């Protein structure tokens, strides 16, 4: 088995597979049982909730700040009241440095969610750590193969919070301790246009032998050919030169969009840079409003204008809540497009 794994991984990295992978596996987190007791304390700057789980041997303290979406977290062993783990959440995700302790109070590991690094502070690694290290190295090598080494190091960032594994005994986020040997790994990466503009567009699955499936966000470049031809301010200038206002009071979206390949047998798409500026808001129905946007679509690799366009976003208001659609490009309605909407497999 070890020989086959090594050969499969090396073939994947060296061969730079170009055919579409098959298969699909869904990650479904297990629900957490309710706490037996909740204690709430309010301070001048935060709300502290303590949740007791005797059957999980856990007492969890959540210190939620009022000013920003950040929660400081401490987890104690219920039976000994000694610290188990400590860290922070931002917008619901693990953030920064997390530390883990045994019941004696010894530090056993640290996980840095900003760098994606895990440090074992003893001689006992978590089960299957080698599997995770090999898969992560393989995933990085796959992206270098398609995007080039310079672009990977400058513009691609791994998201540990959005990366998961599945084993015969359950599933979890990347740094959770697996209770069985994982057989599937879903990895998520962001493309950094610059430090302020990050888009989680790359996602794919590897099985334990390094076989790819469920790919989104891939583009094929010649070695070191992938590079952005313009920066944020140059893109705004191009938008202004093509009809957008983009003043300080403007409401606009600036984002990279992955364009899916036209053929279902392909998995290599491309990217467009989109700047969409709010034009007006109109009422669409009794509980619906429509936001209309003027937009420019730019080729990020050449800096050239691809087209000017219009986008829309739909807001639906319910009795106690509202929902908002994604930003969608308006396209001309033709007979073929209507038929393809209702009969997608019919050839035209």
C-alpha atoms as a PDB file:
ATOM      1  CA  UNK A   1       0.000   0.000   0.000  1.00  0.00           C
ATOM      2  CA  UNK A   2       2.766   2.453   0.864  1.00  0.00           C
ATOM      3  CA  UNK A   3       4.535   1.785  -2.447  1.00  0.00           C
ATOM      4  CA  UNK A   4       1.328   2.338  -4.408  1.00  0.00           C
ATOM      5  CA  UNK A   5       0.613   5.587  -2.561  1.00  0.00           C
ATOM      6  CA  UNK A   6       4.077   6.958  -3.271  1.00  0.00           C
ATOM      7  CA  UNK A   7       3.883   6.008  -6.944  1.00  0.00           C
ATOM      8  CA  UNK A   8       0.378   7.481  -7.350  1.00  0.00           C
ATOM      9  CA  UNK A   9       1.347  10.768  -5.741  1.00  0.00           C
ATOM     10  CA  UNK A  10       4.523  11.095  -7.781  1.00  0.00           C
ATOM     11  CA  UNK A  11       2.678  10.333 -11.023  1.00  0.00           C
ATOM     12  CA  UNK A  12       0.036  12.953 -10.210  1.00  0.00           C
ATOM     13  CA  UNK A  13       2.587  15.680  -9.481  1.00  0.00           C
ATOM     14  CA  UNK A  14       4.957  14.865 -12.321  1.00  0.00           C
ATOM     15  CA  UNK A  15       2.305  14.095 -14.928  1.00  0.00           C
ATOM     16  CA  UNK A  16       0.076  17.126 -14.357  1.00  0.00           C
ATOM     17  CA  UNK A  17      -3.145  15.228 -15.181  1.00  0.00           C
ATOM     18  CA  UNK A  18      -5.253  17.021 -17.811  1.00  0.00           C
ATOM     19  CA  UNK A  19      -8.379  14.875 -18.035  1.00  0.00           C
ATOM     20  CA  UNK A  20     -11.477  15.503 -15.966  1.00  0.00           C
ATOM     21  CA  UNK A  21     -11.602  13.457 -12.731  1.00  0.00           C
ATOM     22  CA  UNK A  22     -14.672  11.489 -11.747  1.00  0.00           C
ATOM     23  CA  UNK A  23     -16.533  10.904  -8.512  1.00  0.00           C
ATOM     24  CA  UNK A  24     -18.201  13.033  -5.877  1.00  0.00           C
ATOM     25  CA  UNK A  25     -18.095  12.999  -2.062  1.00  0.00           C
ATOM     26  CA  UNK A  26     -19.990  15.407   0.168  1.00  0.00           C
ATOM     27  CA  UNK A  27     -18.729  16.673   3.514  1.00  0.00           C
ATOM     28  CA  UNK A  28     -21.476  16.781   6.146  1.00  0.00           C
ATOM     29  CA  UNK A  29     -20.496  17.909   9.668  1.00  0.00           C
ATOM     30  CA  UNK A  30     -22.115  16.074  12.570  1.00  0.00           C
ATOM     31  CA  UNK A  31     -24.492  18.119  14.761  1.00  0.00           C
ATOM     32  CA  UNK A  32     -23.254  18.930  18.259  1.00  0.00           C
ATOM     33  CA  UNK A  33     -25.439  17.778  21.198  1.00  0.00           C
ATOM     34  CA  UNK A  34     -27.011  20.557  23.297  1.00  0.00           C
ATOM     35  CA  UNK A  35     -25.225  21.723  26.468  1.00  0.00           C
ATOM     36  CA  UNK A  36     -26.562  20.674  29.873  1.00  0.00           C
ATOM     37  CA  UNK A  37     -26.161  24.184  31.282  1.00  0.00           C
ATOM     38  CA  UNK A  38     -25.579  27.696  29.883  1.00  0.00           C
ATOM     39  CA  UNK A  39     -24.335  30.630  31.969  1.00  0.00           C
ATOM     40  CA  UNK A  40     -24.429  34.139  30.441  1.00  0.00           C
ATOM     41  CA  UNK A  41     -22.536  37.154  31.760  1.00  0.00           C
ATOM     42  CA  UNK A  42     -22.582  40.584  30.059  1.00  0.00           C
ATOM     43  CA  UNK A  43     -19.714  43.069  30.379  1.00  0.00           C
ATOM     44  CA  UNK A  44     -19.187  46.601  29.023  1.00  0.00           C
ATOM     45  CA  UNK A  45     -17.543  45.240  25.855  1.00  0.00           C
ATOM     46  CA  UNK A  46     -18.594  41.616  25.427  1.00  0.00           C
ATOM     47  CA  UNK A  47     -21.016  38.796  26.168  1.00  0.00           C
ATOM     48  CA  UNK A  48     -19.578  35.699  27.875  1.00  0.00           C
ATOM     49  CA  UNK A  49     -21.376  32.390  27.493  1.00  0.00           C
ATOM     50  CA  UNK A  50     -20.243  29.298  29.396  1.00  0.00           C
ATOM     51  CA  UNK A  51     -21.630  25.976  28.147  1.00  0.00           C
ATOM     52  CA  UNK A  52     -21.257  22.775  30.167  1.00  0.00           C
ATOM     53  CA  UNK A  53     -21.071  19.347  28.477  1.00  0.00           C
ATOM     54  CA  UNK A  54     -20.447  16.782  31.216  1.00  0.00           C
ATOM     55  CA  UNK A  55     -20.916  13.844  28.818  1.00  0.00           C
ATOM     56  CA  UNK A  56     -18.259  15.376  26.513  1.00  0.00           C
ATOM     57  CA  UNK A  57     -15.986  16.205  29.477  1.00  0.00           C
ATOM     58  CA  UNK A  58     -15.996  19.829  28.308  1.00  0.00           C
ATOM     59  CA  UNK A  59     -16.777  23.288  29.732  1.00  0.00           C
ATOM     60  CA  UNK A  60     -16.617  25.885  26.937  1.00  0.00           C
ATOM     61  CA  UNK A  61     -16.336  29.631  27.413  1.00  0.00           C
ATOM     62  CA  UNK A  62     -17.238  31.971  24.517  1.00  0.00           C
ATOM     63  CA  UNK A  63     -16.281  35.629  25.026  1.00  0.00           C
ATOM     64  CA  UNK A  64     -17.987  37.462  22.132  1.00  0.00           C
ATOM     65  CA  UNK A  65     -16.842  41.041  21.568  1.00  0.00           C
ATOM     66  CA  UNK A  66     -19.463  43.696  20.856  1.00  0.00           C
ATOM     67  CA  UNK A  67     -17.322  45.904  18.617  1.00  0.00           C
ATOM     68  CA  UNK A  68     -16.069  43.313  16.087  1.00  0.00           C
ATOM     69  CA  UNK A  69     -17.015  39.800  14.975  1.00  0.00           C
ATOM     70  CA  UNK A  70     -14.423  38.087  17.146  1.00  0.00           C
ATOM     71  CA  UNK A  71     -14.900  35.502  19.911  1.00  0.00           C
ATOM     72  CA  UNK A  72     -12.227  34.405  22.371  1.00  0.00           C
ATOM     73  CA  UNK A  73     -12.642  30.748  23.274  1.00  0.00           C
ATOM     74  CA  UNK A  74     -11.452  28.591  26.161  1.00  0.00           C
ATOM     75  CA  UNK A  75     -12.311  24.914  26.620  1.00  0.00           C
ATOM     76  CA  UNK A  76     -11.729  23.181  29.983  1.00  0.00           C
ATOM     77  CA  UNK A  77     -11.804  19.492  30.911  1.00  0.00           C
ATOM     78  CA  UNK A  78     -15.063  19.148  32.837  1.00  0.00           C
ATOM     79  CA  UNK A  79     -13.767  16.638  35.379  1.00  0.00           C
ATOM     80  CA  UNK A  80     -10.498  18.429  36.275  1.00  0.00           C
ATOM     81  CA  UNK A  81     -11.332  22.063  35.301  1.00  0.00           C
ATOM     82  CA  UNK A  82      -7.917  22.305  33.619  1.00  0.00           C
ATOM     83  CA  UNK A  83      -7.427  24.017  30.268  1.00  0.00           C
ATOM     84  CA  UNK A  84      -7.925  21.831  27.188  1.00  0.00           C
ATOM     85  CA  UNK A  85      -7.630  24.343  24.335  1.00  0.00           C
ATOM     86  CA  UNK A  86      -7.609  28.105  23.802  1.00  0.00           C
ATOM     87  CA  UNK A  87      -7.971  30.273  20.708  1.00  0.00           C
ATOM     88  CA  UNK A  88     -10.269  32.676  18.851  1.00  0.00           C
ATOM     89  CA  UNK A  89     -12.958  32.692  16.161  1.00  0.00           C
ATOM     90  CA  UNK A  90     -13.496  35.381  13.536  1.00  0.00           C
ATOM     91  CA  UNK A  91     -16.747  35.357  11.563  1.00  0.00           C
ATOM     92  CA  UNK A  92     -17.314  31.779  12.750  1.00  0.00           C
ATOM     93  CA  UNK A  93     -13.909  30.460  11.589  1.00  0.00           C
ATOM     94  CA  UNK A  94     -10.853  29.457  13.596  1.00  0.00           C
ATOM     95  CA  UNK A  95      -8.442  32.398  13.665  1.00  0.00           C
ATOM     96  CA  UNK A  96      -4.824  32.927  14.650  1.00  0.00           C
ATOM     97  CA  UNK A  97      -2.966  30.645  17.038  1.00  0.00           C
ATOM     98  CA  UNK A  98      -4.716  27.830  18.904  1.00  0.00           C
ATOM     99  CA  UNK A  99      -3.077  25.917  21.763  1.00  0.00           C
ATOM    100  CA  UNK A 100      -3.984  22.455  23.066  1.00  0.00           C
ATOM    101  CA  UNK A 101      -3.152  20.926  26.474  1.00  0.00           C
ATOM    102  CA  UNK A 102      -3.450  17.557  28.192  1.00  0.00           C
ATOM    103  CA  UNK A 103      -5.040  17.115  31.615  1.00  0.00           C
ATOM    104  CA  UNK A 104      -1.678  17.638  33.332  1.00  0.00           C
ATOM    105  CA  UNK A 105      -1.458  21.109  31.839  1.00  0.00           C
ATOM    106  CA  UNK A 106       1.286  20.235  29.340  1.00  0.00           C
ATOM    107  CA  UNK A 107       1.149  21.983  25.940  1.00  0.00           C
ATOM    108  CA  UNK A 108       0.773  19.177  23.376  1.00  0.00           C
ATOM    109  CA  UNK A 109       0.255  21.038  20.086  1.00  0.00           C
ATOM    110  CA  UNK A 110      -0.221  24.430  18.429  1.00  0.00           C
ATOM    111  CA  UNK A 111      -2.133  25.210  15.242  1.00  0.00           C
ATOM    112  CA  UNK A 112      -1.700  28.508  13.408  1.00  0.00           C
ATOM    113  CA  UNK A 113      -4.694  29.086  11.137  1.00  0.00           C
ATOM    114  CA  UNK A 114      -3.086  32.097   9.452  1.00  0.00           C
ATOM    115  CA  UNK A 115      -0.069  30.138   8.230  1.00  0.00           C
ATOM    116  CA  UNK A 116      -1.707  26.675   8.130  1.00  0.00           C
ATOM    117  CA  UNK A 117       1.050  25.239  10.348  1.00  0.00           C
ATOM    118  CA  UNK A 118       0.685  22.569  13.014  1.00  0.00           C
ATOM    119  CA  UNK A 119       3.376  22.064  15.668  1.00  0.00           C
ATOM    120  CA  UNK A 120       3.482  18.959  17.865  1.00  0.00           C
ATOM    121  CA  UNK A 121       4.942  19.878  21.261  1.00  0.00           C
ATOM    122  CA  UNK A 122       5.858  16.321  22.234  1.00  0.00           C
ATOM    123  CA  UNK A 123       6.720  12.950  20.787  1.00  0.00           C
ATOM    124  CA  UNK A 124       3.167  11.826  19.985  1.00  0.00           C
ATOM    125  CA  UNK A 125       1.691  13.176  16.725  1.00  0.00           C
ATOM    126  CA  UNK A 126      -2.018  12.970  15.999  1.00  0.00           C
ATOM    127  CA  UNK A 127      -3.163   9.858  14.113  1.00  0.00           C
ATOM    128  CA  UNK A 128      -2.733  10.034  10.336  1.00  0.00           C
ATOM    129  CA  UNK A 129      -0.664  13.242  10.440  1.00  0.00           C
ATOM    130  CA  UNK A 130       1.567  11.810   7.708  1.00  0.00           C
ATOM    131  CA  UNK A 131      -1.457  11.264   5.460  1.00  0.00           C
ATOM    132  CA  UNK A 132      -2.494  14.903   5.861  1.00  0.00           C
ATOM    133  CA  UNK A 133       1.041  16.160   5.185  1.00  0.00           C
ATOM    134  CA  UNK A 134       1.357  14.064   2.006  1.00  0.00           C
ATOM    135  CA  UNK A 135      -2.044  15.143   0.684  1.00  0.00           C
ATOM    136  CA  UNK A 136      -1.363  18.837   1.392  1.00  0.00           C
ATOM    137  CA  UNK A 137       2.014  18.610  -0.376  1.00  0.00           C
ATOM    138  CA  UNK A 138       0.340  16.886  -3.327  1.00  0.00           C
ATOM    139  CA  UNK A 139      -2.394  19.524  -3.495  1.00  0.00           C
ATOM    140  CA  UNK A 140       0.174  22.339  -3.506  1.00  0.00           C
ATOM    141  CA  UNK A 141       2.137  20.591  -6.255  1.00  0.00           C
ATOM    142  CA  UNK A 142      -1.001  20.224  -8.380  1.00  0.00           C
ATOM    143  CA  UNK A 143      -1.649  23.976  -8.167  1.00  0.00           C
ATOM    144  CA  UNK A 144       1.975  24.774  -9.025  1.00  0.00           C
ATOM    145  CA  UNK A 145       1.571  22.521 -12.044  1.00  0.00           C
ATOM    146  CA  UNK A 146      -1.435  24.470 -13.350  1.00  0.00           C
ATOM    147  CA  UNK A 147      -0.756  28.052 -12.174  1.00  0.00           C
ATOM    148  CA  UNK A 148       3.045  28.125 -12.056  1.00  0.00           C
ATOM    149  CA  UNK A 149       5.313  28.436  -9.070  1.00  0.00           C
ATOM    150  CA  UNK A 150       5.514  32.274  -8.928  1.00  0.00           C
ATOM    151  CA  UNK A 151       1.724  32.745  -9.003  1.00  0.00           C
ATOM    152  CA  UNK A 152       1.206  29.988  -6.430  1.00  0.00           C
ATOM    153  CA  UNK A 153       3.589  31.575  -3.930  1.00  0.00           C
ATOM    154  CA  UNK A 154       2.425  35.177  -4.524  1.00  0.00           C
ATOM    155  CA  UNK A 155      -1.314  34.834  -5.092  1.00  0.00           C
ATOM    156  CA  UNK A 156      -2.658  31.510  -3.766  1.00  0.00           C
ATOM    157  CA  UNK A 157      -3.464  30.932  -0.105  1.00  0.00           C
ATOM    158  CA  UNK A 158      -4.694  27.723   1.528  1.00  0.00           C
ATOM    159  CA  UNK A 159      -7.869  27.919   3.668  1.00  0.00           C
ATOM    160  CA  UNK A 160      -7.606  25.386   6.505  1.00  0.00           C
ATOM    161  CA  UNK A 161     -11.062  26.336   7.828  1.00  0.00           C
ATOM    162  CA  UNK A 162     -12.742  25.419   4.537  1.00  0.00           C
ATOM    163  CA  UNK A 163     -10.725  22.233   3.992  1.00  0.00           C
ATOM    164  CA  UNK A 164     -12.174  18.938   5.211  1.00  0.00           C
ATOM    165  CA  UNK A 165     -11.603  15.204   5.379  1.00  0.00           C
ATOM    166  CA  UNK A 166     -13.870  12.165   5.414  1.00  0.00           C
ATOM    167  CA  UNK A 167     -13.068   8.827   7.048  1.00  0.00           C
ATOM    168  CA  UNK A 168     -15.038   5.639   7.693  1.00  0.00           C
ATOM    169  CA  UNK A 169     -15.754   6.913  11.222  1.00  0.00           C
ATOM    170  CA  UNK A 170     -16.804  10.480  10.437  1.00  0.00           C
ATOM    171  CA  UNK A 171     -15.589  13.751   8.995  1.00  0.00           C
ATOM    172  CA  UNK A 172     -14.141  17.057  10.143  1.00  0.00           C
ATOM    173  CA  UNK A 173     -12.237  20.203   9.288  1.00  0.00           C
ATOM    174  CA  UNK A 174      -8.595  19.798   8.335  1.00  0.00           C
ATOM    175  CA  UNK A 175      -7.029  19.999  11.811  1.00  0.00           C
ATOM    176  CA  UNK A 176      -9.685  17.950  13.630  1.00  0.00           C
ATOM    177  CA  UNK A 177      -8.381  14.639  14.983  1.00  0.00           C
ATOM    178  CA  UNK A 178      -9.665  11.847  12.744  1.00  0.00           C
ATOM    179  CA  UNK A 179     -11.028   8.735  14.451  1.00  0.00           C
ATOM    180  CA  UNK A 180     -10.315   6.607  11.395  1.00  0.00           C
ATOM    181  CA  UNK A 181      -7.984   6.735   8.432  1.00  0.00           C
ATOM    182  CA  UNK A 182      -9.261   9.429   6.034  1.00  0.00           C
ATOM    183  CA  UNK A 183     -10.036   8.329   2.483  1.00  0.00           C
ATOM    184  CA  UNK A 184     -11.107  11.697   1.009  1.00  0.00           C
ATOM    185  CA  UNK A 185      -9.683  15.207   1.403  1.00  0.00           C
ATOM    186  CA  UNK A 186     -11.410  18.377   0.172  1.00  0.00           C
ATOM    187  CA  UNK A 187      -9.018  21.336  -0.124  1.00  0.00           C
ATOM    188  CA  UNK A 188      -9.971  24.988  -0.507  1.00  0.00           C
ATOM    189  CA  UNK A 189      -7.669  27.801  -1.660  1.00  0.00           C
ATOM    190  CA  UNK A 190      -8.114  31.538  -2.224  1.00  0.00           C
ATOM    191  CA  UNK A 191      -6.686  33.676  -4.993  1.00  0.00           C
ATOM    192  CA  UNK A 192      -5.256  36.947  -3.675  1.00  0.00           C
ATOM    193  CA  UNK A 193      -5.650  39.727  -6.221  1.00  0.00           C
ATOM    194  CA  UNK A 194      -3.878  41.835  -3.615  1.00  0.00           C
ATOM    195  CA  UNK A 195      -3.785  41.927   0.205  1.00  0.00           C
ATOM    196  CA  UNK A 196      -7.237  43.528   0.444  1.00  0.00           C
ATOM    197  CA  UNK A 197      -9.017  41.445  -2.209  1.00  0.00           C
ATOM    198  CA  UNK A 198      -9.134  37.690  -1.629  1.00  0.00           C
ATOM    199  CA  UNK A 199     -11.463  35.211  -3.325  1.00  0.00           C
ATOM    200  CA  UNK A 200     -11.964  31.579  -2.278  1.00  0.00           C
ATOM    201  CA  UNK A 201     -12.425  30.225  -5.788  1.00  0.00           C
ATOM    202  CA  UNK A 202     -10.283  27.060  -5.905  1.00  0.00           C
ATOM    203  CA  UNK A 203     -11.608  23.814  -4.500  1.00  0.00           C
ATOM    204  CA  UNK A 204     -10.957  20.166  -5.277  1.00  0.00           C
ATOM    205  CA  UNK A 205     -10.932  16.717  -3.721  1.00  0.00           C
ATOM    206  CA  UNK A 206      -8.077  14.203  -3.466  1.00  0.00           C
ATOM    207  CA  UNK A 207      -8.485  10.622  -2.350  1.00  0.00           C
ATOM    208  CA  UNK A 208      -5.727   8.996  -0.309  1.00  0.00           C
ATOM    209  CA  UNK A 209      -4.004   7.898  -3.515  1.00  0.00           C
ATOM    210  CA  UNK A 210      -3.861  11.454  -4.893  1.00  0.00           C
ATOM    211  CA  UNK A 211      -6.643  11.143  -7.480  1.00  0.00           C
ATOM    212  CA  UNK A 212      -8.447  14.401  -8.315  1.00  0.00           C
ATOM    213  CA  UNK A 213     -12.210  15.039  -8.453  1.00  0.00           C
ATOM    214  CA  UNK A 214     -14.815  17.806  -7.920  1.00  0.00           C
ATOM    215  CA  UNK A 215     -12.598  20.574  -9.312  1.00  0.00           C
ATOM    216  CA  UNK A 216     -13.489  24.265  -9.469  1.00  0.00           C
ATOM    217  CA  UNK A 217     -11.260  27.292 -10.027  1.00  0.00           C
ATOM    218  CA  UNK A 218      -8.510  25.696 -12.146  1.00  0.00           C
ATOM    219  CA  UNK A 219      -6.739  27.497 -14.994  1.00  0.00           C
ATOM    220  CA  UNK A 220      -3.862  26.176 -17.052  1.00  0.00           C
ATOM    221  CA  UNK A 221      -0.830  28.436 -17.496  1.00  0.00           C
ATOM    222  CA  UNK A 222       2.533  27.887 -19.037  1.00  0.00           C
ATOM    223  CA  UNK A 223       5.323  27.954 -16.413  1.00  0.00           C
ATOM    224  CA  UNK A 224       5.359  31.373 -14.702  1.00  0.00           C
ATOM    225  CA  UNK A 225       2.963  32.807 -17.310  1.00  0.00           C
ATOM    226  CA  UNK A 226       0.138  33.482 -14.828  1.00  0.00           C
ATOM    227  CA  UNK A 227       0.416  37.063 -13.559  1.00  0.00           C
ATOM    228  CA  UNK A 228      -2.039  39.902 -13.087  1.00  0.00           C
ATOM    229  CA  UNK A 229      -1.514  42.660 -15.650  1.00  0.00           C
ATOM    230  CA  UNK A 230      -3.048  45.445 -13.536  1.00  0.00           C
ATOM    231  CA  UNK A 231      -3.588  46.378  -9.903  1.00  0.00           C
ATOM    232  CA  UNK A 232      -6.705  47.528  -8.064  1.00  0.00           C
ATOM    233  CA  UNK A 233      -6.301  51.233  -8.879  1.00  0.00           C
ATOM    234  CA  UNK A 234      -5.543  50.576 -12.540  1.00  0.00           C
ATOM    235  CA  UNK A 235      -8.679  48.433 -12.742  1.00  0.00           C
ATOM    236  CA  UNK A 236     -10.766  51.256 -11.223  1.00  0.00           C
ATOM    237  CA  UNK A 237      -9.301  53.698 -13.753  1.00  0.00           C
ATOM    238  CA  UNK A 238     -10.273  51.346 -16.573  1.00  0.00           C
ATOM    239  CA  UNK A 239     -13.788  51.188 -15.142  1.00  0.00           C
ATOM    240  CA  UNK A 240     -14.061  54.986 -15.022  1.00  0.00           C
ATOM    241  CA  UNK A 241     -12.841  55.222 -18.611  1.00  0.00           C
ATOM    242  CA  UNK A 242     -15.684  52.902 -19.640  1.00  0.00           C
ATOM    243  CA  UNK A 243     -18.667  54.595 -18.038  1.00  0.00           C
ATOM    244  CA  UNK A 244     -18.494  53.853 -14.299  1.00  0.00           C
ATOM    245  CA  UNK A 245     -18.401  56.653 -11.717  1.00  0.00           C
ATOM    246  CA  UNK A 246     -16.642  54.792  -8.867  1.00  0.00           C
ATOM    247  CA  UNK A 247     -16.591  57.784  -6.536  1.00  0.00           C
ATOM    248  CA  UNK A 248     -16.151  57.588  -2.781  1.00  0.00           C
ATOM    249  CA  UNK A 249     -19.918  57.513  -2.332  1.00  0.00           C
ATOM    250  CA  UNK A 250     -20.452  54.778  -4.942  1.00  0.00           C
ATOM    251  CA  UNK A 251     -21.549  51.319  -3.958  1.00  0.00           C
ATOM    252  CA  UNK A 252     -19.708  48.793  -6.075  1.00  0.00           C
ATOM    253  CA  UNK A 253     -18.388  45.227  -6.107  1.00  0.00           C
ATOM    254  CA  UNK A 254     -14.865  44.293  -7.177  1.00  0.00           C
ATOM    255  CA  UNK A 255     -14.223  40.579  -7.588  1.00  0.00           C
ATOM    256  CA  UNK A 256     -12.628  37.763  -9.534  1.00  0.00           C
ATOM    257  CA  UNK A 257     -15.053  35.347 -11.151  1.00  0.00           C
ATOM    258  CA  UNK A 258     -14.125  31.865 -12.342  1.00  0.00           C
ATOM    259  CA  UNK A 259     -15.683  31.041 -15.711  1.00  0.00           C
ATOM    260  CA  UNK A 260     -16.620  27.394 -15.997  1.00  0.00           C
ATOM    261  CA  UNK A 261     -15.474  25.541 -19.107  1.00  0.00           C
ATOM    262  CA  UNK A 262     -18.129  25.209 -21.782  1.00  0.00           C
ATOM    263  CA  UNK A 263     -17.654  21.468 -22.220  1.00  0.00           C
ATOM    264  CA  UNK A 264     -18.753  19.155 -19.408  1.00  0.00           C
ATOM    265  CA  UNK A 265     -15.757  16.945 -20.099  1.00  0.00           C
ATOM    266  CA  UNK A 266     -13.333  19.774 -19.272  1.00  0.00           C
ATOM    267  CA  UNK A 267     -12.357  21.228 -15.902  1.00  0.00           C
ATOM    268  CA  UNK A 268      -9.973  24.064 -16.872  1.00  0.00           C
ATOM    269  CA  UNK A 269     -11.781  27.410 -16.913  1.00  0.00           C
ATOM    270  CA  UNK A 270     -10.553  31.001 -16.777  1.00  0.00           C
ATOM    271  CA  UNK A 271     -10.974  34.150 -14.705  1.00  0.00           C
ATOM    272  CA  UNK A 272     -12.608  37.520 -15.275  1.00  0.00           C
ATOM    273  CA  UNK A 273     -12.218  40.630 -13.141  1.00  0.00           C
ATOM    274  CA  UNK A 274     -15.576  42.342 -12.597  1.00  0.00           C
ATOM    275  CA  UNK A 275     -16.375  45.822 -11.279  1.00  0.00           C
ATOM    276  CA  UNK A 276     -20.130  46.308 -10.808  1.00  0.00           C
ATOM    277  CA  UNK A 277     -21.488  49.710  -9.665  1.00  0.00           C
ATOM    278  CA  UNK A 278     -25.006  50.122  -8.258  1.00  0.00           C
ATOM    279  CA  UNK A 279     -27.203  52.110 -10.670  1.00  0.00           C
ATOM    280  CA  UNK A 280     -30.667  51.929  -9.066  1.00  0.00           C
ATOM    281  CA  UNK A 281     -33.059  49.810  -7.022  1.00  0.00           C
ATOM    282  CA  UNK A 282     -36.527  49.027  -8.375  1.00  0.00           C
ATOM    283  CA  UNK A 283     -39.480  47.109  -6.992  1.00  0.00           C
ATOM    284  CA  UNK A 284     -39.954  43.781  -8.691  1.00  0.00           C
ATOM    285  CA  UNK A 285     -42.958  42.303  -6.893  1.00  0.00           C
ATOM    286  CA  UNK A 286     -44.895  42.485  -3.613  1.00  0.00           C
ATOM    287  CA  UNK A 287     -41.912  41.191  -1.611  1.00  0.00           C
ATOM    288  CA  UNK A 288     -39.090  41.692  -4.100  1.00  0.00           C
ATOM    289  CA  UNK A 289     -36.666  44.477  -4.962  1.00  0.00           C
ATOM    290  CA  UNK A 290     -34.075  44.432  -7.743  1.00  0.00           C
ATOM    291  CA  UNK A 291     -30.656  46.077  -7.549  1.00  0.00           C
ATOM    292  CA  UNK A 292     -29.337  47.025 -10.999  1.00  0.00           C
ATOM    293  CA  UNK A 293     -25.609  47.430 -11.620  1.00  0.00           C
ATOM    294  CA  UNK A 294     -23.519  48.779 -14.484  1.00  0.00           C
ATOM    295  CA  UNK A 295     -20.336  46.767 -14.875  1.00  0.00           C
ATOM    296  CA  UNK A 296     -17.076  46.326 -16.716  1.00  0.00           C
ATOM    297  CA  UNK A 297     -15.551  42.894 -17.256  1.00  0.00           C
ATOM    298  CA  UNK A 298     -11.748  42.833 -17.532  1.00  0.00           C
ATOM    299  CA  UNK A 299      -9.228  40.187 -18.529  1.00  0.00           C
ATOM    300  CA  UNK A 300      -6.955  40.142 -15.435  1.00  0.00           C
ATOM    301  CA  UNK A 301      -4.075  38.502 -17.332  1.00  0.00           C
ATOM    302  CA  UNK A 302      -3.873  41.141 -20.097  1.00  0.00           C
ATOM    303  CA  UNK A 303      -5.569  44.146 -18.506  1.00  0.00           C
ATOM    304  CA  UNK A 304      -7.851  44.505 -21.540  1.00  0.00           C
ATOM    305  CA  UNK A 305     -11.559  45.309 -21.373  1.00  0.00           C
ATOM    306  CA  UNK A 306     -13.608  42.249 -22.350  1.00  0.00           C
ATOM    307  CA  UNK A 307     -17.039  43.921 -22.324  1.00  0.00           C
ATOM    308  CA  UNK A 308     -19.320  46.347 -20.557  1.00  0.00           C
ATOM    309  CA  UNK A 309     -22.329  44.663 -19.011  1.00  0.00           C
ATOM    310  CA  UNK A 310     -25.228  44.855 -16.558  1.00  0.00           C
ATOM    311  CA  UNK A 311     -25.722  42.822 -13.388  1.00  0.00           C
ATOM    312  CA  UNK A 312     -28.647  42.349 -11.013  1.00  0.00           C
ATOM    313  CA  UNK A 313     -29.224  41.252  -7.438  1.00  0.00           C
ATOM    314  CA  UNK A 314     -32.626  40.240  -6.057  1.00  0.00           C
ATOM    315  CA  UNK A 315     -33.772  40.861  -2.482  1.00  0.00           C
ATOM    316  CA  UNK A 316     -36.764  38.930  -1.150  1.00  0.00           C
ATOM    317  CA  UNK A 317     -38.402  40.233   2.020  1.00  0.00           C
ATOM    318  CA  UNK A 318     -40.284  37.862   4.278  1.00  0.00           C
ATOM    319  CA  UNK A 319     -42.227  38.558   7.424  1.00  0.00           C
ATOM    320  CA  UNK A 320     -39.304  38.235   9.826  1.00  0.00           C
ATOM    321  CA  UNK A 321     -36.304  38.034   7.499  1.00  0.00           C
ATOM    322  CA  UNK A 322     -34.968  38.751   4.030  1.00  0.00           C
ATOM    323  CA  UNK A 323     -32.757  36.919   1.547  1.00  0.00           C
ATOM    324  CA  UNK A 324     -30.393  38.246  -1.104  1.00  0.00           C
ATOM    325  CA  UNK A 325     -29.340  36.539  -4.308  1.00  0.00           C
ATOM    326  CA  UNK A 326     -25.867  36.447  -5.774  1.00  0.00           C
ATOM    327  CA  UNK A 327     -24.837  39.138  -8.256  1.00  0.00           C
ATOM    328  CA  UNK A 328     -26.016  37.828 -11.643  1.00  0.00           C
ATOM    329  CA  UNK A 329     -25.140  39.073 -15.097  1.00  0.00           C
ATOM    330  CA  UNK A 330     -28.065  40.090 -17.294  1.00  0.00           C
ATOM    331  CA  UNK A 331     -27.980  38.249 -20.591  1.00  0.00           C
ATOM    332  CA  UNK A 332     -30.208  38.637 -23.642  1.00  0.00           C
ATOM    333  CA  UNK A 333     -33.120  36.198 -23.664  1.00  0.00           C
ATOM    334  CA  UNK A 334     -33.339  34.141 -26.853  1.00  0.00           C
ATOM    335  CA  UNK A 335     -35.404  31.143 -27.833  1.00  0.00           C
ATOM    336  CA  UNK A 336     -32.313  28.934 -27.613  1.00  0.00           C
ATOM    337  CA  UNK A 337     -31.416  30.184 -24.132  1.00  0.00           C
ATOM    338  CA  UNK A 338     -34.967  29.604 -22.877  1.00  0.00           C
ATOM    339  CA  UNK A 339     -35.058  26.092 -24.329  1.00  0.00           C
ATOM    340  CA  UNK A 340     -31.629  25.278 -22.925  1.00  0.00           C
ATOM    341  CA  UNK A 341     -32.862  26.425 -19.499  1.00  0.00           C
ATOM    342  CA  UNK A 342     -35.719  23.930 -19.539  1.00  0.00           C
ATOM    343  CA  UNK A 343     -34.106  21.236 -21.727  1.00  0.00           C
ATOM    344  CA  UNK A 344     -30.365  21.459 -20.920  1.00  0.00           C
ATOM    345  CA  UNK A 345     -29.466  18.171 -22.637  1.00  0.00           C
ATOM    346  CA  UNK A 346     -31.133  19.017 -25.958  1.00  0.00           C
ATOM    347  CA  UNK A 347     -28.626  19.871 -28.725  1.00  0.00           C
ATOM    348  CA  UNK A 348     -29.044  23.080 -30.757  1.00  0.00           C
END
